[in-house]
Amino acid sequence: MIDISIHKEKNYPVSAAKIKSRLKKFLTERGIVSDAEVAVAIVSKEKVQQLAIKYLGESQEEARDHPVLSFPVSEMTGLFIFPPKKKIVVQLGDIVISYDESLEEVKKTGRLIDDVVYEWIEHGALHLLGIHHD
């Protein structure tokens, strides 16, 4: 089973149920068949910027316009202690989405907010699976 947790910093009008369903299907189609966990956070542009500065070592300017950040467990450095589990679960990592950047994309393209947010989630999920771009 793929366990997906969704955290919304505010009451953003995005369907958590739709995101979970689509992301589970996406991961399964890419070979994730064992028990796995992914955390998705939908937060403000400012929060994404803070995370990029703190965890990616970016400058204020570099961290300004990220629509999505991903933090694959496979690329973590340093000690991280996971809570005890009764069964073995693959920890894929975390995906952080900027709701503000997603809303800007909606204004430019006229697409639905759920679709834009999910597109960024899918992009982050590819990073969790080790698929990167230039």
N, C-alpha and C. Protein backbone atom coordinates (compact mmCIF):
# COMPACT_ATOMS: atom_id res chain seq x y z
N MET A 1 0.83 -1.18 0.00
CA MET A 1 0.00 0.00 0.00
C MET A 1 0.88 1.25 0.00
N ILE A 2 0.50 2.22 -0.78
CA ILE A 2 1.20 3.49 -0.81
C ILE A 2 0.44 4.47 0.08
N ASP A 3 1.12 4.98 1.10
CA ASP A 3 0.51 5.91 2.05
C ASP A 3 0.97 7.32 1.70
N ILE A 4 0.02 8.18 1.41
CA ILE A 4 0.32 9.56 1.05
C ILE A 4 -0.34 10.47 2.07
N SER A 5 0.48 11.29 2.71
CA SER A 5 -0.08 12.27 3.64
C SER A 5 -0.03 13.64 2.98
N ILE A 6 -1.10 14.39 3.18
CA ILE A 6 -1.22 15.72 2.61
C ILE A 6 -1.35 16.73 3.75
N HIS A 7 -0.51 17.74 3.71
CA HIS A 7 -0.59 18.83 4.69
C HIS A 7 -0.80 20.13 3.91
N LYS A 8 -1.83 20.87 4.30
CA LYS A 8 -2.05 22.18 3.69
C LYS A 8 -1.79 23.23 4.77
N GLU A 9 -0.87 24.14 4.48
CA GLU A 9 -0.51 25.19 5.45
C GLU A 9 -1.73 26.04 5.82
N LYS A 10 -2.58 26.30 4.84
CA LYS A 10 -3.82 27.05 5.04
C LYS A 10 -4.94 26.22 4.41
N ASN A 11 -6.13 26.71 4.46
CA ASN A 11 -7.26 25.99 3.87
C ASN A 11 -7.30 26.23 2.36
N TYR A 12 -6.23 25.85 1.67
CA TYR A 12 -6.16 26.04 0.23
C TYR A 12 -7.21 25.16 -0.45
N PRO A 13 -7.91 25.68 -1.45
CA PRO A 13 -8.98 24.91 -2.11
C PRO A 13 -8.43 23.90 -3.12
N VAL A 14 -7.78 22.88 -2.60
CA VAL A 14 -7.20 21.81 -3.40
C VAL A 14 -7.70 20.50 -2.83
N SER A 15 -8.11 19.58 -3.69
CA SER A 15 -8.68 18.31 -3.25
C SER A 15 -7.58 17.32 -2.84
N ALA A 16 -7.45 17.10 -1.54
CA ALA A 16 -6.47 16.13 -1.04
C ALA A 16 -6.80 14.72 -1.53
N ALA A 17 -8.07 14.39 -1.57
CA ALA A 17 -8.48 13.05 -2.02
C ALA A 17 -8.08 12.81 -3.48
N LYS A 18 -8.28 13.80 -4.31
CA LYS A 18 -7.92 13.68 -5.72
C LYS A 18 -6.40 13.55 -5.89
N ILE A 19 -5.66 14.33 -5.13
CA ILE A 19 -4.20 14.26 -5.19
C ILE A 19 -3.72 12.87 -4.79
N LYS A 20 -4.24 12.36 -3.67
CA LYS A 20 -3.82 11.03 -3.20
C LYS A 20 -4.10 9.96 -4.25
N SER A 21 -5.27 9.98 -4.80
CA SER A 21 -5.67 8.98 -5.79
C SER A 21 -4.76 9.03 -7.03
N ARG A 22 -4.56 10.23 -7.54
CA ARG A 22 -3.74 10.37 -8.75
C ARG A 22 -2.28 10.00 -8.49
N LEU A 23 -1.75 10.41 -7.33
CA LEU A 23 -0.35 10.13 -7.02
C LEU A 23 -0.13 8.64 -6.78
N LYS A 24 -1.06 7.97 -6.12
CA LYS A 24 -0.93 6.52 -5.93
C LYS A 24 -0.87 5.82 -7.28
N LYS A 25 -1.74 6.20 -8.20
CA LYS A 25 -1.76 5.61 -9.53
C LYS A 25 -0.45 5.88 -10.26
N PHE A 26 0.03 7.12 -10.20
CA PHE A 26 1.28 7.52 -10.84
C PHE A 26 2.46 6.69 -10.33
N LEU A 27 2.57 6.55 -9.00
CA LEU A 27 3.68 5.79 -8.43
C LEU A 27 3.58 4.30 -8.75
N THR A 28 2.39 3.75 -8.70
CA THR A 28 2.19 2.34 -9.04
C THR A 28 2.58 2.07 -10.48
N GLU A 29 2.20 2.96 -11.39
CA GLU A 29 2.55 2.80 -12.80
C GLU A 29 4.06 2.88 -13.04
N ARG A 30 4.79 3.44 -12.09
CA ARG A 30 6.24 3.54 -12.21
C ARG A 30 6.97 2.50 -11.36
N GLY A 31 6.25 1.49 -10.92
CA GLY A 31 6.90 0.34 -10.29
C GLY A 31 6.92 0.32 -8.78
N ILE A 32 6.31 1.28 -8.14
CA ILE A 32 6.26 1.24 -6.67
C ILE A 32 5.12 0.31 -6.28
N VAL A 33 5.49 -0.90 -5.90
CA VAL A 33 4.48 -1.91 -5.57
C VAL A 33 4.57 -2.35 -4.11
N SER A 34 5.66 -1.99 -3.44
CA SER A 34 5.78 -2.34 -2.02
C SER A 34 5.18 -1.22 -1.18
N ASP A 35 5.10 -1.45 0.12
CA ASP A 35 4.59 -0.42 1.02
C ASP A 35 5.53 0.78 0.96
N ALA A 36 4.95 1.96 0.74
CA ALA A 36 5.74 3.17 0.60
C ALA A 36 5.00 4.36 1.19
N GLU A 37 5.78 5.38 1.57
CA GLU A 37 5.20 6.60 2.12
C GLU A 37 5.76 7.82 1.39
N VAL A 38 4.86 8.78 1.15
CA VAL A 38 5.22 10.06 0.56
C VAL A 38 4.44 11.12 1.34
N ALA A 39 5.10 12.22 1.64
CA ALA A 39 4.43 13.35 2.28
C ALA A 39 4.39 14.51 1.29
N VAL A 40 3.22 15.14 1.18
CA VAL A 40 3.03 16.30 0.30
C VAL A 40 2.58 17.46 1.17
N ALA A 41 3.24 18.60 1.02
CA ALA A 41 2.85 19.81 1.74
C ALA A 41 2.54 20.90 0.72
N ILE A 42 1.40 21.54 0.90
CA ILE A 42 1.01 22.66 0.05
C ILE A 42 1.10 23.90 0.93
N VAL A 43 2.04 24.76 0.60
CA VAL A 43 2.39 25.88 1.48
C VAL A 43 2.50 27.17 0.69
N SER A 44 2.78 28.25 1.40
CA SER A 44 2.94 29.56 0.78
C SER A 44 4.27 29.65 0.03
N LYS A 45 4.35 30.62 -0.84
CA LYS A 45 5.59 30.90 -1.58
C LYS A 45 6.72 31.22 -0.60
N GLU A 46 6.40 31.93 0.45
CA GLU A 46 7.41 32.31 1.45
C GLU A 46 7.97 31.08 2.15
N LYS A 47 7.11 30.12 2.46
CA LYS A 47 7.57 28.90 3.14
C LYS A 47 8.48 28.09 2.21
N VAL A 48 8.12 27.99 0.94
CA VAL A 48 8.98 27.28 -0.02
C VAL A 48 10.34 27.96 -0.09
N GLN A 49 10.33 29.28 -0.12
CA GLN A 49 11.58 30.04 -0.19
C GLN A 49 12.43 29.76 1.06
N GLN A 50 11.83 29.76 2.24
CA GLN A 50 12.55 29.48 3.48
C GLN A 50 13.19 28.09 3.44
N LEU A 51 12.44 27.11 2.94
CA LEU A 51 12.95 25.74 2.86
C LEU A 51 14.12 25.63 1.87
N ALA A 52 14.00 26.32 0.73
CA ALA A 52 15.07 26.29 -0.27
C ALA A 52 16.35 26.91 0.27
N ILE A 53 16.21 27.97 1.04
CA ILE A 53 17.38 28.62 1.64
C ILE A 53 17.99 27.70 2.69
N LYS A 54 17.15 27.16 3.55
CA LYS A 54 17.64 26.34 4.67
C LYS A 54 18.21 24.99 4.22
N TYR A 55 17.49 24.27 3.36
CA TYR A 55 17.88 22.90 3.04
C TYR A 55 18.64 22.74 1.72
N LEU A 56 18.49 23.69 0.82
CA LEU A 56 19.21 23.59 -0.46
C LEU A 56 20.39 24.56 -0.52
N GLY A 57 20.52 25.40 0.50
CA GLY A 57 21.64 26.34 0.55
C GLY A 57 21.55 27.44 -0.49
N GLU A 58 20.35 27.74 -0.95
CA GLU A 58 20.19 28.76 -1.98
C GLU A 58 20.16 30.16 -1.38
N SER A 59 20.50 31.13 -2.22
CA SER A 59 20.40 32.53 -1.81
C SER A 59 18.93 32.94 -1.85
N GLN A 60 18.63 34.09 -1.29
CA GLN A 60 17.26 34.62 -1.32
C GLN A 60 16.77 34.72 -2.77
N GLU A 61 17.61 35.19 -3.66
CA GLU A 61 17.24 35.35 -5.07
C GLU A 61 17.01 33.99 -5.75
N GLU A 62 17.90 33.03 -5.50
CA GLU A 62 17.75 31.70 -6.10
C GLU A 62 16.48 31.00 -5.62
N ALA A 63 16.12 31.23 -4.37
CA ALA A 63 14.99 30.52 -3.75
C ALA A 63 13.65 31.17 -4.03
N ARG A 64 13.63 32.23 -4.79
CA ARG A 64 12.43 33.07 -4.94
C ARG A 64 11.27 32.42 -5.67
N ASP A 65 11.50 31.67 -6.71
CA ASP A 65 10.40 31.26 -7.59
C ASP A 65 10.23 29.76 -7.77
N HIS A 66 10.45 28.99 -6.74
CA HIS A 66 10.25 27.55 -6.86
C HIS A 66 8.76 27.20 -6.76
N PRO A 67 8.21 26.52 -7.75
CA PRO A 67 6.84 26.04 -7.60
C PRO A 67 6.78 24.74 -6.80
N VAL A 68 7.90 24.00 -6.80
CA VAL A 68 7.93 22.70 -6.13
C VAL A 68 9.34 22.41 -5.64
N LEU A 69 9.41 21.78 -4.48
CA LEU A 69 10.67 21.24 -3.95
C LEU A 69 10.42 19.78 -3.64
N SER A 70 11.44 18.97 -3.82
CA SER A 70 11.32 17.57 -3.42
C SER A 70 12.54 17.21 -2.58
N PHE A 71 12.30 16.39 -1.59
CA PHE A 71 13.34 15.96 -0.68
C PHE A 71 13.35 14.43 -0.63
N PRO A 72 14.05 13.80 -1.59
CA PRO A 72 14.10 12.33 -1.61
C PRO A 72 14.88 11.78 -0.42
N VAL A 73 14.34 10.82 0.24
CA VAL A 73 15.03 10.18 1.35
C VAL A 73 16.36 9.60 0.86
N SER A 74 16.40 9.12 -0.37
CA SER A 74 17.61 8.51 -0.91
C SER A 74 18.77 9.50 -1.05
N GLU A 75 18.48 10.79 -1.02
CA GLU A 75 19.52 11.81 -1.17
C GLU A 75 19.81 12.54 0.14
N MET A 76 19.21 12.08 1.23
CA MET A 76 19.42 12.74 2.51
C MET A 76 20.84 12.52 3.01
N THR A 77 21.36 13.55 3.64
CA THR A 77 22.65 13.41 4.32
C THR A 77 22.39 13.67 5.79
N GLY A 78 23.21 13.10 6.61
CA GLY A 78 23.01 13.28 8.04
C GLY A 78 22.06 12.24 8.60
N LEU A 79 21.92 12.29 9.89
CA LEU A 79 21.12 11.30 10.60
C LEU A 79 19.65 11.71 10.63
N PHE A 80 18.79 10.80 10.26
CA PHE A 80 17.35 11.01 10.39
C PHE A 80 16.78 9.73 10.97
N ILE A 81 16.01 9.85 12.01
CA ILE A 81 15.46 8.67 12.67
C ILE A 81 13.97 8.60 12.35
N PHE A 82 13.59 7.53 11.67
CA PHE A 82 12.19 7.31 11.34
C PHE A 82 11.49 6.65 12.52
N PRO A 83 10.21 6.92 12.69
CA PRO A 83 9.47 6.26 13.78
C PRO A 83 9.41 4.76 13.54
N PRO A 84 9.33 3.99 14.61
CA PRO A 84 9.28 2.53 14.44
C PRO A 84 8.01 2.10 13.71
N LYS A 85 8.16 1.12 12.84
CA LYS A 85 7.03 0.59 12.06
C LYS A 85 6.89 -0.89 12.35
N LYS A 86 5.68 -1.39 12.21
CA LYS A 86 5.45 -2.82 12.38
C LYS A 86 5.83 -3.58 11.13
N LYS A 87 5.86 -2.89 9.99
CA LYS A 87 6.26 -3.53 8.75
C LYS A 87 7.25 -2.63 8.03
N ILE A 88 7.96 -3.19 7.10
CA ILE A 88 8.94 -2.41 6.36
C ILE A 88 8.22 -1.53 5.35
N VAL A 89 8.54 -0.25 5.39
CA VAL A 89 7.93 0.73 4.51
C VAL A 89 9.03 1.51 3.82
N VAL A 90 8.93 1.67 2.51
CA VAL A 90 9.90 2.46 1.76
C VAL A 90 9.52 3.94 1.93
N GLN A 91 10.43 4.69 2.50
CA GLN A 91 10.23 6.13 2.66
C GLN A 91 10.74 6.81 1.39
N LEU A 92 9.84 7.31 0.57
CA LEU A 92 10.26 7.96 -0.68
C LEU A 92 10.74 9.38 -0.45
N GLY A 93 10.07 10.12 0.41
CA GLY A 93 10.49 11.49 0.70
C GLY A 93 9.32 12.45 0.76
N ASP A 94 9.64 13.73 0.66
CA ASP A 94 8.66 14.80 0.80
C ASP A 94 8.61 15.65 -0.47
N ILE A 95 7.41 16.13 -0.77
CA ILE A 95 7.20 17.06 -1.88
C ILE A 95 6.53 18.30 -1.30
N VAL A 96 7.08 19.46 -1.62
CA VAL A 96 6.54 20.73 -1.11
C VAL A 96 6.12 21.57 -2.31
N ILE A 97 4.87 22.00 -2.31
CA ILE A 97 4.28 22.75 -3.41
C ILE A 97 3.98 24.17 -2.97
N SER A 98 4.32 25.14 -3.80
CA SER A 98 3.95 26.53 -3.55
C SER A 98 2.56 26.78 -4.12
N TYR A 99 1.60 26.99 -3.23
CA TYR A 99 0.25 27.28 -3.70
C TYR A 99 0.24 28.60 -4.48
N ASP A 100 1.00 29.57 -4.02
CA ASP A 100 1.05 30.88 -4.68
C ASP A 100 1.58 30.77 -6.11
N GLU A 101 2.64 29.99 -6.30
CA GLU A 101 3.19 29.80 -7.65
C GLU A 101 2.19 29.03 -8.51
N SER A 102 1.50 28.08 -7.91
CA SER A 102 0.47 27.32 -8.64
C SER A 102 -0.66 28.24 -9.08
N LEU A 103 -1.06 29.14 -8.21
CA LEU A 103 -2.12 30.09 -8.54
C LEU A 103 -1.70 31.03 -9.68
N GLU A 104 -0.44 31.43 -9.69
CA GLU A 104 0.07 32.25 -10.80
C GLU A 104 -0.03 31.49 -12.12
N GLU A 105 0.27 30.20 -12.09
CA GLU A 105 0.17 29.37 -13.29
C GLU A 105 -1.28 29.25 -13.75
N VAL A 106 -2.20 29.14 -12.80
CA VAL A 106 -3.63 29.10 -13.12
C VAL A 106 -4.05 30.38 -13.84
N LYS A 107 -3.58 31.52 -13.32
CA LYS A 107 -3.93 32.81 -13.93
C LYS A 107 -3.38 32.92 -15.35
N LYS A 108 -2.19 32.38 -15.59
CA LYS A 108 -1.57 32.44 -16.93
C LYS A 108 -2.25 31.50 -17.92
N THR A 109 -2.64 30.32 -17.45
CA THR A 109 -3.08 29.27 -18.37
C THR A 109 -4.58 29.00 -18.35
N GLY A 110 -5.26 29.40 -17.29
CA GLY A 110 -6.69 29.13 -17.18
C GLY A 110 -7.01 27.71 -16.78
N ARG A 111 -6.00 26.94 -16.39
CA ARG A 111 -6.22 25.56 -15.96
C ARG A 111 -6.78 25.53 -14.55
N LEU A 112 -7.28 24.39 -14.14
CA LEU A 112 -7.81 24.21 -12.79
C LEU A 112 -6.66 24.13 -11.78
N ILE A 113 -6.89 24.68 -10.58
CA ILE A 113 -5.85 24.67 -9.55
C ILE A 113 -5.45 23.24 -9.18
N ASP A 114 -6.40 22.32 -9.08
CA ASP A 114 -6.07 20.92 -8.75
C ASP A 114 -5.11 20.34 -9.79
N ASP A 115 -5.32 20.66 -11.06
CA ASP A 115 -4.47 20.12 -12.12
C ASP A 115 -3.06 20.70 -12.07
N VAL A 116 -2.96 22.00 -11.80
CA VAL A 116 -1.63 22.63 -11.71
C VAL A 116 -0.87 22.11 -10.51
N VAL A 117 -1.52 22.06 -9.35
CA VAL A 117 -0.87 21.55 -8.14
C VAL A 117 -0.43 20.10 -8.38
N TYR A 118 -1.31 19.29 -8.96
CA TYR A 118 -0.95 17.91 -9.20
C TYR A 118 0.22 17.79 -10.17
N GLU A 119 0.27 18.64 -11.19
CA GLU A 119 1.40 18.61 -12.14
C GLU A 119 2.72 18.82 -11.40
N TRP A 120 2.74 19.77 -10.45
CA TRP A 120 3.96 20.01 -9.68
C TRP A 120 4.25 18.82 -8.76
N ILE A 121 3.21 18.21 -8.20
CA ILE A 121 3.41 17.03 -7.35
C ILE A 121 4.03 15.90 -8.16
N GLU A 122 3.52 15.69 -9.35
CA GLU A 122 4.07 14.65 -10.22
C GLU A 122 5.54 14.94 -10.54
N HIS A 123 5.86 16.20 -10.79
CA HIS A 123 7.25 16.59 -11.05
C HIS A 123 8.12 16.24 -9.84
N GLY A 124 7.64 16.58 -8.64
CA GLY A 124 8.38 16.26 -7.43
C GLY A 124 8.50 14.76 -7.22
N ALA A 125 7.45 14.01 -7.54
CA ALA A 125 7.48 12.55 -7.39
C ALA A 125 8.54 11.93 -8.29
N LEU A 126 8.71 12.45 -9.48
CA LEU A 126 9.77 11.95 -10.36
C LEU A 126 11.13 12.12 -9.70
N HIS A 127 11.34 13.26 -9.03
CA HIS A 127 12.60 13.46 -8.31
C HIS A 127 12.75 12.44 -7.18
N LEU A 128 11.65 12.15 -6.48
CA LEU A 128 11.73 11.15 -5.40
C LEU A 128 12.13 9.79 -5.95
N LEU A 129 11.76 9.53 -7.19
CA LEU A 129 12.08 8.25 -7.84
C LEU A 129 13.45 8.26 -8.50
N GLY A 130 14.18 9.38 -8.37
CA GLY A 130 15.53 9.47 -8.91
C GLY A 130 15.58 9.96 -10.34
N ILE A 131 14.49 10.46 -10.86
CA ILE A 131 14.45 10.97 -12.23
C ILE A 131 14.58 12.50 -12.16
N HIS A 132 15.69 13.00 -12.68
CA HIS A 132 15.99 14.44 -12.58
C HIS A 132 16.10 15.05 -13.97
N HIS A 133 16.09 16.35 -13.99
CA HIS A 133 16.22 17.10 -15.25
C HIS A 133 17.42 18.02 -15.14
N ASP A 134 17.78 18.64 -16.24
CA ASP A 134 18.92 19.59 -16.23
C ASP A 134 18.49 20.94 -15.72
